[in-house]
Protein backbone atom coordinates (compact mmCIF):
# COMPACT_ATOMS: atom_id res chain seq x y z
CA MET A 1 33.12 -5.50 -7.80
CA ARG A 2 30.17 -7.72 -6.27
CA LEU A 3 31.23 -11.03 -5.19
CA LEU A 4 28.71 -13.76 -4.07
CA SER A 5 31.66 -15.16 -1.77
CA LYS A 6 31.18 -12.47 0.53
CA VAL A 7 27.61 -12.37 1.03
CA PHE A 8 25.37 -13.89 4.07
CA GLN A 9 23.21 -16.05 2.35
CA PRO A 10 23.09 -19.72 4.52
CA LEU A 11 21.74 -21.92 2.04
CA ILE A 12 20.11 -24.71 3.23
CA THR A 13 21.05 -28.32 2.02
CA ILE A 14 18.11 -31.12 2.82
CA PRO A 15 18.96 -34.57 1.65
CA LYS A 16 17.24 -36.41 -0.91
CA ASN A 17 15.86 -38.64 1.60
CA ALA A 18 15.32 -36.44 4.19
CA LYS A 19 11.03 -36.10 6.17
CA ILE A 20 9.77 -32.59 5.94
CA LYS A 21 7.06 -32.15 7.90
CA SER A 22 4.09 -30.33 6.40
CA THR A 23 3.79 -27.79 9.72
CA GLU A 24 7.01 -26.61 8.23
CA VAL A 25 7.32 -25.92 5.13
CA THR A 26 4.37 -24.89 3.99
CA CYS A 27 4.38 -23.69 0.34
CA LYS A 28 6.99 -22.70 -2.32
CA SER A 29 7.99 -19.63 -1.20
CA GLN A 30 8.97 -20.52 1.98
CA LYS A 31 10.31 -23.24 0.18
CA LEU A 32 12.96 -21.29 -1.53
CA LEU A 33 13.53 -18.34 0.36
CA LEU A 34 14.43 -20.47 2.99
CA GLU A 35 16.56 -23.22 1.08
CA CYS A 36 18.16 -20.23 -0.43
CA GLY A 37 19.26 -17.90 2.28
CA LEU A 38 17.06 -14.99 1.72
CA ILE A 39 15.26 -15.88 4.88
CA ARG A 40 15.36 -16.91 8.40
CA PRO A 41 12.64 -17.76 10.87
CA THR A 42 13.74 -16.44 14.69
CA SER A 43 10.11 -18.15 16.01
CA SER A 44 6.20 -18.68 14.77
CA GLY A 45 5.10 -16.20 12.55
CA LEU A 46 8.71 -14.42 12.50
CA PHE A 47 11.41 -13.99 10.46
CA ALA A 48 15.08 -12.52 9.88
CA ILE A 49 15.20 -10.81 6.45
CA LEU A 50 18.80 -11.90 4.59
CA PRO A 51 20.89 -9.28 2.92
CA LEU A 52 19.81 -10.33 -0.79
CA ALA A 53 16.00 -10.53 0.38
CA GLN A 54 16.29 -7.15 1.84
CA ARG A 55 17.58 -5.85 -1.85
CA ALA A 56 14.72 -7.63 -2.98
CA MET A 57 12.57 -5.76 -0.56
CA ASP A 58 14.48 -2.09 -1.08
CA LYS A 59 13.70 -2.46 -5.01
CA LEU A 60 10.44 -3.58 -4.99
CA GLU A 61 9.81 -0.02 -2.47
CA THR A 62 11.26 1.97 -4.53
CA HIS A 63 9.45 0.14 -7.42
CA ILE A 64 5.98 0.70 -5.47
CA ARG A 65 6.90 4.33 -4.15
CA LYS A 66 7.61 5.75 -8.01
CA HIS A 67 3.63 4.80 -8.92
CA ILE A 68 1.86 6.16 -5.20
CA GLU A 69 4.15 9.06 -5.85
CA ALA A 70 2.62 9.51 -9.21
CA ALA A 71 -0.77 9.61 -8.32
CA GLY A 72 0.10 12.72 -5.49
CA ALA A 73 1.01 10.96 -2.22
CA GLN A 74 3.80 11.94 0.07
CA ARG A 75 5.76 10.38 2.65
CA ILE A 76 5.34 10.44 6.22
CA SER A 77 5.97 7.96 9.03
CA LEU A 78 3.61 6.98 11.79
CA PRO A 79 4.17 5.38 15.26
CA SER A 80 3.70 1.46 15.29
CA LEU A 81 2.38 1.68 18.63
CA THR A 82 -0.50 3.99 18.95
CA SER A 83 -2.80 4.47 21.96
CA ALA A 84 -5.54 1.40 22.07
CA TRP A 85 -8.85 3.87 22.99
CA LEU A 86 -8.53 5.26 19.19
CA TRP A 87 -9.51 1.39 18.38
CA ASP A 88 -11.78 0.33 20.03
CA ASN A 89 -15.10 1.48 18.61
CA LYS A 90 7.72 5.88 -8.45
CA HIS A 91 4.03 3.78 -8.44
CA ILE A 92 2.53 5.51 -5.66
CA GLU A 93 3.73 9.05 -5.50
CA ALA A 94 3.27 8.97 -9.38
CA ALA A 95 -0.14 9.10 -7.91
CA GLY A 96 0.45 12.61 -5.56
CA ALA A 97 1.25 10.69 -2.50
CA GLN A 98 3.78 12.27 -0.19
CA ARG A 99 5.83 9.95 2.19
CA ILE A 100 5.27 9.92 5.84
CA SER A 101 7.09 7.60 8.82
CA LEU A 102 4.53 6.74 11.95
CA PRO A 103 4.92 5.23 14.62
CA SER A 104 5.03 1.30 15.06
CA LEU A 105 3.33 2.30 18.98
CA THR A 106 0.19 3.94 19.21
CA ALA A 107 -2.02 4.59 22.01
CA ALA A 108 -4.44 2.30 23.04
CA SER A 109 -7.43 4.73 22.85
CA LEU A 110 -6.97 5.96 19.90
CA TRP A 111 -8.25 2.27 18.71
CA ASP A 112 -10.61 2.49 21.34
CA LYS A 113 -12.27 5.52 20.31
CA SER A 114 -13.02 4.31 16.62
CA GLY A 115 -14.29 1.21 18.18
CA ARG A 116 -11.49 -1.54 16.55
CA LEU A 117 -9.63 -2.63 19.93
CA GLN A 118 -12.67 -4.82 20.80
CA GLU A 119 -13.52 -5.59 17.23
CA MET A 120 -10.08 -6.66 16.41
CA GLY A 121 -9.87 -8.69 19.89
CA PRO A 122 -6.92 -10.89 19.82
CA GLU A 123 -5.66 -9.93 16.60
CA LEU A 124 -3.85 -7.03 17.84
CA MET A 125 -0.47 -7.13 19.89
CA LYS A 126 -0.24 -4.60 22.62
CA ALA A 127 2.12 -3.11 25.38
CA THR A 128 2.25 -1.76 28.28
CA ASP A 129 4.80 0.82 29.91
CA ARG A 130 5.78 1.32 33.34
CA HIS A 131 2.99 4.06 33.74
CA GLY A 132 0.50 1.76 32.75
CA LYS A 133 -0.54 3.01 29.84
CA GLN A 134 -1.73 1.16 27.27
CA TYR A 135 -0.33 0.70 23.80
CA VAL A 136 -1.03 -1.43 20.02
CA LEU A 137 1.59 -2.53 17.55
CA ALA A 138 -0.16 -0.88 15.28
CA PRO A 139 -1.29 -3.33 11.88
CA THR A 140 -2.50 -0.66 9.93
CA HIS A 141 -2.97 3.08 10.68
CA GLU A 142 -6.05 4.57 10.19
CA GLU A 143 -6.49 5.75 13.79
CA ALA A 144 -3.01 7.52 13.96
CA ILE A 145 -3.18 9.03 11.01
CA THR A 146 -6.82 10.81 11.59
CA ASP A 147 -5.61 11.65 15.09
CA LEU A 148 -2.61 13.30 13.00
CA LEU A 149 -4.72 15.44 11.28
CA ALA A 150 -7.42 16.11 14.24
CA ASP A 151 -4.55 17.24 16.09
CA VAL A 152 -2.83 19.80 13.01
CA GLY A 153 -6.19 20.85 11.53
CA PRO A 154 -8.11 22.02 10.48
CA LEU A 155 -7.17 21.60 7.26
CA SER A 156 -8.40 24.27 4.33
CA TYR A 157 -10.49 23.17 1.47
CA LYS A 158 -7.57 24.12 -0.67
CA GLN A 159 -5.41 22.31 0.85
CA LEU A 160 -6.85 18.96 -0.73
CA PRO A 161 -7.40 16.40 -1.76
CA LEU A 162 -4.06 15.44 0.74
CA ILE A 163 -2.52 11.80 0.05
CA LEU A 164 0.38 10.69 2.89
CA TYR A 165 1.71 7.21 2.68
CA GLN A 166 4.24 5.19 4.52
CA ILE A 167 6.53 2.05 4.12
CA SER A 168 7.06 0.20 7.23
CA SER A 169 6.89 -2.61 9.67
CA LYS A 170 3.38 -4.26 10.57
CA PHE A 171 2.91 -6.29 13.76
CA ARG A 172 -0.15 -9.08 13.98
CA ASP A 173 -1.09 -11.60 16.55
CA GLU A 174 -2.19 -14.69 13.48
CA HIS A 175 -3.54 -17.39 15.01
CA ARG A 176 -1.45 -19.75 12.73
CA PRO A 177 1.03 -18.34 10.82
CA LYS A 178 1.98 -20.36 7.96
CA HIS A 179 3.59 -20.03 4.39
CA GLY A 180 6.50 -18.14 5.12
CA LEU A 181 6.13 -14.48 4.61
CA LEU A 182 3.03 -14.84 3.22
CA ARG A 183 1.31 -14.87 6.61
CA ALA A 184 3.55 -13.33 8.74
CA ARG A 185 3.30 -11.80 12.54
CA GLN A 186 4.92 -9.12 11.35
CA PHE A 187 5.14 -8.11 7.99
CA THR A 188 5.67 -4.70 5.54
CA MET A 189 3.52 -2.68 4.29
CA MET A 190 2.80 0.20 2.04
CA ASP A 191 -0.18 1.96 3.44
CA ALA A 192 -1.58 5.49 1.97
CA TYR A 193 -4.48 7.77 3.33
CA SER A 194 -5.97 10.06 1.28
CA HIS A 195 -8.25 13.02 3.05
CA HIS A 196 -11.17 15.04 0.76
CA ALA A 197 -14.07 17.44 0.84
CA THR A 198 -16.58 15.70 -1.39
CA GLU A 199 -17.33 11.82 -2.21
CA GLU A 200 -16.83 12.76 -5.71
CA CYS A 201 -13.05 13.74 -4.85
CA VAL A 202 -12.88 10.53 -3.20
CA ARG A 203 -13.87 8.59 -6.06
CA ASN A 204 -11.67 10.39 -8.33
CA THR A 205 -8.42 10.12 -6.11
CA TYR A 206 -9.71 6.11 -5.49
CA GLU A 207 -9.20 5.03 -9.03
CA ARG A 208 -6.28 7.43 -9.05
CA MET A 209 -4.61 5.47 -7.14
CA SER A 210 -6.41 1.83 -8.53
CA GLN A 211 -4.56 3.27 -11.52
CA ALA A 212 -1.26 3.05 -9.34
CA TYR A 213 -1.66 -0.41 -8.07
CA ARG A 214 -2.35 -1.39 -11.86
CA ASP A 215 1.32 0.02 -12.95
CA ILE A 216 2.85 -1.72 -9.52
CA PHE A 217 1.61 -5.14 -10.61
CA GLU A 218 1.57 -4.96 -13.85
CA GLY A 219 5.77 -3.98 -13.35
CA LEU A 220 6.24 -7.56 -11.05
CA GLY A 221 4.65 -9.76 -14.18
CA LEU A 222 1.61 -11.11 -11.47
CA LYS A 223 -1.58 -11.85 -12.71
CA VAL A 224 -3.99 -9.70 -9.96
CA TYR A 225 -7.71 -9.63 -10.28
CA ARG A 226 -9.09 -6.06 -8.55
CA VAL A 227 -12.19 -8.04 -7.05
CA GLU A 228 -14.95 -6.48 -4.32
CA ALA A 229 -15.34 -7.02 -0.86
CA PRO A 230 -16.69 -6.83 2.46
CA SER A 231 -14.86 -3.59 4.53
CA GLY A 232 -15.16 -6.18 7.62
CA ALA A 233 -13.75 -4.76 10.84
CA MET A 234 -11.97 -0.96 8.86
CA GLY A 235 -15.62 0.24 7.80
CA GLY A 236 -16.32 2.22 5.20
CA SER A 237 -19.10 1.95 2.21
CA LEU A 238 -16.43 0.21 -0.34
CA SER A 239 -13.88 -1.81 -0.40
CA HIS A 240 -11.68 -4.12 -2.97
CA GLU A 241 -9.50 -6.97 -2.77
CA TRP A 242 -6.58 -7.30 -4.84
CA GLN A 243 -5.78 -10.94 -5.63
CA ALA A 244 -2.99 -12.44 -7.26
CA VAL A 245 -2.92 -15.78 -8.34
CA ALA A 246 -1.37 -18.37 -7.04
CA GLU A 247 -1.18 -22.40 -5.99
CA ALA A 248 -0.18 -21.31 -2.35
CA GLY A 249 -3.46 -19.20 -1.93
CA GLU A 250 -5.56 -19.00 0.92
CA ASP A 251 -8.18 -17.01 -0.53
CA SER A 252 -10.47 -17.87 -3.61
CA LEU A 253 -11.93 -16.71 -6.73
CA THR A 254 -15.01 -17.16 -8.90
CA VAL A 255 -14.37 -16.33 -12.70
CA CYS A 256 -17.89 -16.80 -14.24
CA GLN A 257 -17.59 -18.72 -17.28
CA ARG A 258 -20.07 -16.55 -19.16
CA CYS A 259 -19.51 -13.67 -18.56
CA GLN A 260 -15.53 -13.71 -17.49
CA HIS A 261 -16.82 -11.31 -14.38
CA VAL A 262 -14.64 -12.18 -11.30
CA GLY A 263 -15.57 -12.21 -7.68
CA LEU A 264 -15.75 -14.04 -4.24
CA GLU A 265 -18.55 -15.41 -3.93
CA ALA A 266 -19.89 -19.20 -5.85
CA LYS A 267 -21.76 -18.24 -7.84
CA CYS A 268 -21.71 -14.71 -10.30
CA GLN A 269 -23.08 -11.75 -8.90
CA ARG A 270 -23.59 -10.34 -12.60
CA CYS A 271 -24.95 -13.06 -14.72
CA GLY A 272 -25.46 -15.92 -12.03
CA GLY A 273 -23.43 -18.36 -14.08
CA GLU A 274 -21.05 -20.94 -12.96
CA GLY A 275 -17.49 -19.95 -12.26
CA GLU A 276 -13.79 -22.12 -11.84
CA VAL A 277 -12.62 -21.71 -8.48
CA VAL A 278 -8.75 -20.21 -8.25
CA SER A 279 -6.44 -20.25 -5.21
CA SER A 280 -5.05 -16.52 -4.76
CA ILE A 281 -3.03 -14.22 -2.25
CA GLU A 282 -4.45 -11.17 -1.47
CA VAL A 283 -1.55 -8.30 -1.94
CA GLY A 284 -3.56 -5.63 -1.73
CA HIS A 285 -6.41 -3.64 -0.20
CA THR A 286 -7.96 -0.65 -0.94
CA PHE A 287 -11.11 0.72 0.92
CA VAL A 288 -13.06 4.13 0.89
CA LEU A 289 -13.79 4.96 4.41
CA ASN A 290 -15.60 7.80 4.09
CA THR A 291 -16.12 9.38 7.73
CA ARG A 292 -15.58 6.60 9.37
CA TYR A 293 -12.83 7.60 11.34
CA SER A 294 -12.48 11.06 11.17
CA SER A 295 -15.97 11.92 12.90
CA PRO A 296 -15.40 9.99 15.86
CA LEU A 297 -11.60 11.73 16.43
CA GLY A 298 -12.28 15.54 14.84
CA ALA A 299 -10.84 15.27 11.80
CA CYS A 300 -12.01 18.31 10.10
CA TYR A 301 -11.40 20.73 7.64
CA THR A 302 -12.84 24.61 6.40
CA ASP A 303 -15.04 24.75 3.89
CA ALA A 304 -15.33 27.93 1.48
CA GLN A 305 -18.15 29.14 3.88
CA GLY A 306 -16.21 28.44 7.13
CA ALA A 307 -18.17 25.72 8.45
CA ARG A 308 -15.92 22.43 9.74
CA PRO A 309 -17.15 19.60 8.33
CA ALA A 310 -15.63 16.36 9.30
CA LEU A 311 -12.86 15.23 6.24
CA ARG A 312 -13.80 12.12 4.13
CA ALA A 313 -11.25 9.64 3.50
CA ALA A 314 -10.13 6.57 1.99
CA CYS A 315 -7.44 4.55 2.49
CA TYR A 316 -4.73 1.60 0.27
CA GLY A 317 -2.23 -0.78 1.61
CA VAL A 318 -0.36 -3.56 -0.74
CA GLY A 319 1.72 -5.95 1.71
CA GLY A 320 5.37 -5.41 0.39
CA SER A 321 6.98 -8.45 2.36
CA ARG A 322 3.65 -11.06 0.85
CA LEU A 323 3.65 -9.28 -2.20
CA LEU A 324 7.74 -10.56 -2.60
CA ALA A 325 6.94 -13.83 -1.24
CA ALA A 326 3.99 -13.94 -4.18
CA CYS A 327 6.31 -13.06 -6.49
CA VAL A 328 8.17 -15.78 -6.10
CA GLU A 329 5.01 -17.86 -5.61
CA ALA A 330 4.45 -17.06 -9.68
CA GLY A 331 7.42 -19.29 -9.89
CA GLY A 332 10.31 -18.93 -12.84
CA ALA A 333 12.93 -15.41 -12.09
CA TRP A 334 12.79 -12.79 -10.65
CA PRO A 335 10.62 -10.10 -11.72
CA ARG A 336 13.47 -7.65 -13.48
CA GLY A 337 12.97 -4.03 -11.61
CA VAL A 338 13.22 -6.70 -7.94
CA ALA A 339 15.43 -9.18 -8.16
CA PRO A 340 18.17 -8.87 -5.49
CA TYR A 341 20.45 -8.83 -8.92
CA SER A 342 19.18 -8.12 -12.49
CA ALA A 343 22.73 -10.21 -13.61
CA LEU A 344 25.64 -12.93 -12.42
CA LEU A 345 28.69 -13.53 -13.99
CA VAL A 346 29.53 -17.09 -13.31
CA PRO A 347 33.68 -17.34 -13.76
CA PRO A 348 35.29 -20.64 -14.87
CA LYS A 349 36.46 -22.66 -12.75
CA GLU A 350 39.59 -22.89 -10.96
CA GLY A 351 42.41 -24.80 -12.38
CA SER A 352 40.77 -25.22 -15.98
CA LYS A 353 41.83 -24.51 -19.56
CA GLU A 354 39.75 -21.34 -19.22
CA TRP A 355 41.21 -20.33 -15.34
CA GLN A 356 44.73 -20.80 -16.71
CA GLN A 357 44.11 -18.92 -20.17
CA LEU A 358 42.09 -16.08 -18.88
CA GLY A 359 42.55 -15.74 -14.80
CA TRP A 360 40.78 -13.46 -13.05
CA SER A 361 41.74 -9.57 -15.47
CA SER A 362 39.58 -10.93 -17.55
CA VAL A 363 36.58 -11.54 -15.66
CA GLU A 364 36.80 -7.99 -13.75
CA GLN A 365 37.03 -7.02 -17.68
CA VAL A 366 33.59 -8.44 -18.57
CA TYR A 367 32.47 -7.47 -14.80
CA SER A 368 33.76 -3.83 -15.76
CA GLN A 369 31.35 -4.33 -19.60
CA LEU A 370 28.53 -5.47 -18.19
CA SER A 371 28.36 -2.27 -15.45
CA VAL A 372 28.41 -0.10 -18.56
CA LEU A 373 24.77 -0.73 -19.19
CA PRO A 374 22.35 1.75 -17.11
CA THR A 375 20.17 -1.54 -16.28
CA LEU A 376 23.08 -3.35 -14.29
CA ARG A 377 24.53 -0.54 -12.87
CA ASP A 378 25.54 -1.62 -9.53
CA ASP A 379 23.57 -4.63 -10.26
CA VAL A 380 25.94 -7.34 -11.37
CA ILE A 381 27.33 -9.84 -8.78
CA VAL A 382 29.93 -12.52 -9.44
CA ASP A 383 30.01 -15.78 -7.96
CA ASP A 384 33.79 -16.26 -7.51
CA ARG A 385 33.81 -19.56 -5.83
CA CYS A 386 35.60 -20.84 -8.40
CA ASP A 387 36.39 -23.97 -6.29
CA MET A 388 32.62 -25.55 -7.54
CA THR A 389 32.47 -26.60 -11.15
CA ILE A 390 30.55 -23.84 -13.89
CA GLY A 391 27.76 -26.54 -13.33
CA LYS A 392 27.10 -26.64 -10.17
CA ARG A 393 27.11 -22.93 -9.45
CA LEU A 394 24.72 -22.67 -12.44
CA MET A 395 22.25 -25.29 -10.36
CA GLN A 396 22.26 -22.50 -7.67
CA ALA A 397 21.48 -19.78 -10.00
CA ASN A 398 18.85 -21.06 -11.61
CA ARG A 399 17.24 -21.83 -8.55
CA MET A 400 18.23 -18.07 -7.17
CA GLY A 401 16.27 -17.44 -10.97
CA TYR A 402 18.74 -14.99 -11.97
CA PRO A 403 17.34 -12.75 -15.17
CA TYR A 404 20.33 -12.70 -16.38
CA THR A 405 23.55 -15.07 -16.13
CA VAL A 406 26.33 -14.60 -18.30
CA VAL A 407 28.98 -17.83 -18.21
CA MET A 408 33.04 -17.34 -18.78
CA GLY A 409 32.68 -21.06 -20.78
CA LYS A 410 34.65 -22.87 -23.17
CA ALA A 411 33.44 -20.29 -25.64
CA ALA A 412 35.30 -17.25 -23.85
CA LEU A 413 38.73 -18.33 -25.33
CA GLU A 414 37.79 -18.02 -28.93
CA SER A 415 38.98 -14.68 -30.69
CA PRO A 416 36.51 -12.88 -30.24
CA PRO A 417 35.74 -14.33 -27.28
CA ARG A 418 31.77 -16.01 -27.41
CA TYR A 419 29.71 -16.18 -23.33
CA GLU A 420 26.86 -17.85 -22.86
CA LEU A 421 23.85 -15.62 -21.52
CA VAL A 422 21.60 -17.84 -19.90
CA CYS A 423 17.55 -16.05 -19.67
CA GLY A 424 15.11 -18.32 -18.19
CA SER A 425 15.19 -21.29 -20.57
CA SER A 426 16.77 -19.60 -23.27
CA THR A 427 20.68 -19.90 -23.39
CA GLN A 428 22.76 -18.02 -26.15
CA LEU A 429 26.05 -17.61 -26.65
CA LEU A 430 27.03 -13.74 -27.61
CA THR A 431 30.28 -11.88 -28.41
CA MET A 432 30.66 -9.06 -25.91
CA PRO A 433 28.46 -6.62 -28.03
CA GLU A 434 26.06 -8.94 -28.87
CA LEU A 435 25.69 -9.35 -25.28
CA LEU A 436 25.23 -6.00 -24.11
CA LYS A 437 22.90 -4.93 -27.03
CA THR A 438 20.83 -8.26 -26.10
CA ILE A 439 20.13 -7.58 -22.72
CA ASP A 440 19.66 -3.36 -23.52
CA THR A 441 16.74 -4.58 -25.77
CA MET A 442 15.25 -7.01 -23.50
CA ASP A 443 15.46 -4.58 -21.15
CA GLN A 444 13.65 -1.93 -22.46
CA GLY A 445 10.80 -4.22 -24.45
CA ASN A 446 10.64 -5.21 -20.82
CA ASN A 447 9.75 -8.83 -22.07
CA ASN A 448 9.72 -10.46 -18.65
CA MET A 449 7.35 -7.70 -16.73
CA ALA A 450 4.26 -8.26 -18.55
CA ALA A 451 1.58 -9.36 -15.96
CA GLU A 452 -2.53 -8.81 -16.27
CA ILE A 453 -4.79 -6.66 -14.15
CA VAL A 454 -8.49 -7.85 -14.04
CA THR A 455 -10.79 -4.73 -12.26
CA ALA A 456 -14.32 -6.80 -11.72
């Protein structure tokens, strides 16, 4: 049985008359994550991810992996530190991606060779080893993945397209970190890289991965716009930002009142009409890179005639920790598949009539019955702080935004016993069979997982 009293969750209680500096807590997600004990600042722009937030992050990563791998991606891990010379000049895997892991440290020489060492300048965090070799704490891994394929290559055209991805910590020396996880110096990101023989293959894979993005955001209940954007230092021929509407967003979008086209410009680029400006958070970015990195770094493939042209590439990023904060900014309960725990069970207060008649054995029984549901298995936690009133525990539960809160109140003494199911703003008194059926029906319908994805 999972008990809330055993969870490391350092709550912060701020007195009502306390004066908070505007520079300390600047958005809803930062306030909630800090006060509810989900994150803890360690330095400017750096945060410890505490158990409940880590559990949510793990679920979010699983959600992303599902769709990326369905698109054909394979997972790898690349180093965070990369050589500086390269820089100077369930949904993802469903798209066919394979997972890898690259080191956080990459040789600075790689960044130098690609041209980005100077272009990105002070945003790059750097380190020097005892031998004087310079490294970059990578904010992204275009150089590292291209260097890897150059080293093992050339690939055969029969092996293409190849989609590799990783989920790892990234680093950026933000000039002014703010908004908690929305703009931090260390952050979690899913970054995927696809390599191809032809431009047509690049575009087909790009659209397949874009569909994986839609599936990811639709499953999180976020209103997201895909908008064409400048490529910046990343380079390439095409770029799209994935923007989630949020009051705390530092970006802004213009939604045309005439044709509903969405863009970053003040006037509609499609019909010239005026638009409504909305604040947004960039939660993803995709690029068609073509030979931007493969040419300078020597990554090629062998075609049917035996020639060795440069690989064509595209890359895809989703900010995991930023996406977690964006879900909180959206308000209400956590998205069903990302909540640290899907259901909270609130027993009676110690010493109450309900406690005396029901006892702890009834709590264990209800916990076991809830855990029978496949969608709640290993995902129910008991608020065993029974020295607190039910009302006080419910206030904290509502603030945390559990998708389902089950309360053992006075009605639990009835025959048959009934339990209070709190789901968002609705409350129902249900027998155990009714309770299980209601939760199962709501999960099957994914009622709180609807989202709106708008493609420009």
